[in-house]
């Protein structure tokens, strides 16, 4: 019998402010030490990060 350790689920919520909407803005996301992440911004799915390859 294989017993796996339970993994906690964490939710993070943050906001972005760009008061000068006429200028383009860049955003960088750092995922240090993460194993799996799913990224959503403003209800739009941007992608996922997983340390395991295909």
C-alpha atoms as a PDB file:
ATOM      1  CA  UNK A   1       0.000   0.000   0.000  1.00  0.00           C
ATOM      2  CA  UNK A   2       1.356   3.411  -0.999  1.00  0.00           C
ATOM      3  CA  UNK A   3       0.502   6.328   1.264  1.00  0.00           C
ATOM      4  CA  UNK A   4       0.991   9.835  -0.098  1.00  0.00           C
ATOM      5  CA  UNK A   5       1.458  12.904   2.060  1.00  0.00           C
ATOM      6  CA  UNK A   6      -1.454  15.356   1.857  1.00  0.00           C
ATOM      7  CA  UNK A   7      -0.735  18.659   0.137  1.00  0.00           C
ATOM      8  CA  UNK A   8      -2.406  21.867   1.276  1.00  0.00           C
ATOM      9  CA  UNK A   9      -4.162  24.062  -1.256  1.00  0.00           C
ATOM     10  CA  UNK A  10      -3.335  27.779  -1.036  1.00  0.00           C
ATOM     11  CA  UNK A  11      -5.154  30.689  -2.696  1.00  0.00           C
ATOM     12  CA  UNK A  12      -3.555  34.088  -3.237  1.00  0.00           C
ATOM     13  CA  UNK A  13      -5.338  37.173  -4.457  1.00  0.00           C
ATOM     14  CA  UNK A  14      -3.759  40.482  -5.393  1.00  0.00           C
ATOM     15  CA  UNK A  15      -4.549  43.501  -7.499  1.00  0.00           C
ATOM     16  CA  UNK A  16      -2.796  45.585 -10.117  1.00  0.00           C
ATOM     17  CA  UNK A  17      -3.107  49.320 -10.610  1.00  0.00           C
ATOM     18  CA  UNK A  18      -2.167  51.074 -13.836  1.00  0.00           C
ATOM     19  CA  UNK A  19      -3.399  54.629 -13.573  1.00  0.00           C
ATOM     20  CA  UNK A  20      -1.981  55.674 -16.949  1.00  0.00           C
ATOM     21  CA  UNK A  21      -3.762  53.228 -19.237  1.00  0.00           C
ATOM     22  CA  UNK A  22      -2.252  54.815 -22.355  1.00  0.00           C
ATOM     23  CA  UNK A  23       1.120  53.233 -21.476  1.00  0.00           C
ATOM     24  CA  UNK A  24       1.873  49.547 -21.888  1.00  0.00           C
ATOM     25  CA  UNK A  25       2.779  47.732 -18.685  1.00  0.00           C
ATOM     26  CA  UNK A  26       4.781  44.563 -18.081  1.00  0.00           C
ATOM     27  CA  UNK A  27       4.214  42.111 -15.260  1.00  0.00           C
ATOM     28  CA  UNK A  28       6.583  39.410 -14.035  1.00  0.00           C
ATOM     29  CA  UNK A  29       5.512  36.513 -11.833  1.00  0.00           C
ATOM     30  CA  UNK A  30       8.059  34.707  -9.700  1.00  0.00           C
ATOM     31  CA  UNK A  31       7.193  31.195  -8.490  1.00  0.00           C
ATOM     32  CA  UNK A  32      10.073  30.291  -6.146  1.00  0.00           C
ATOM     33  CA  UNK A  33      10.015  26.816  -4.667  1.00  0.00           C
ATOM     34  CA  UNK A  34       6.677  26.022  -6.244  1.00  0.00           C
ATOM     35  CA  UNK A  35       5.736  22.537  -7.327  1.00  0.00           C
ATOM     36  CA  UNK A  36       2.478  23.215  -9.165  1.00  0.00           C
ATOM     37  CA  UNK A  37       0.745  26.505  -9.801  1.00  0.00           C
ATOM     38  CA  UNK A  38      -2.188  27.626 -11.929  1.00  0.00           C
ATOM     39  CA  UNK A  39      -2.264  31.307 -12.911  1.00  0.00           C
ATOM     40  CA  UNK A  40      -5.500  33.262 -13.472  1.00  0.00           C
ATOM     41  CA  UNK A  41      -5.689  37.049 -13.857  1.00  0.00           C
ATOM     42  CA  UNK A  42      -9.040  38.851 -14.091  1.00  0.00           C
ATOM     43  CA  UNK A  43     -10.795  35.557 -14.791  1.00  0.00           C
ATOM     44  CA  UNK A  44      -8.457  34.704 -17.684  1.00  0.00           C
ATOM     45  CA  UNK A  45      -6.451  31.470 -17.474  1.00  0.00           C
ATOM     46  CA  UNK A  46      -2.813  32.264 -18.297  1.00  0.00           C
ATOM     47  CA  UNK A  47      -1.307  28.842 -17.770  1.00  0.00           C
ATOM     48  CA  UNK A  48       0.233  26.489 -15.267  1.00  0.00           C
ATOM     49  CA  UNK A  49       3.642  25.671 -13.862  1.00  0.00           C
ATOM     50  CA  UNK A  50       4.660  22.158 -12.924  1.00  0.00           C
ATOM     51  CA  UNK A  51       8.191  21.016 -12.053  1.00  0.00           C
ATOM     52  CA  UNK A  52       7.557  17.558 -13.526  1.00  0.00           C
ATOM     53  CA  UNK A  53       8.145  17.293 -17.246  1.00  0.00           C
ATOM     54  CA  UNK A  54       6.085  15.431 -19.828  1.00  0.00           C
END
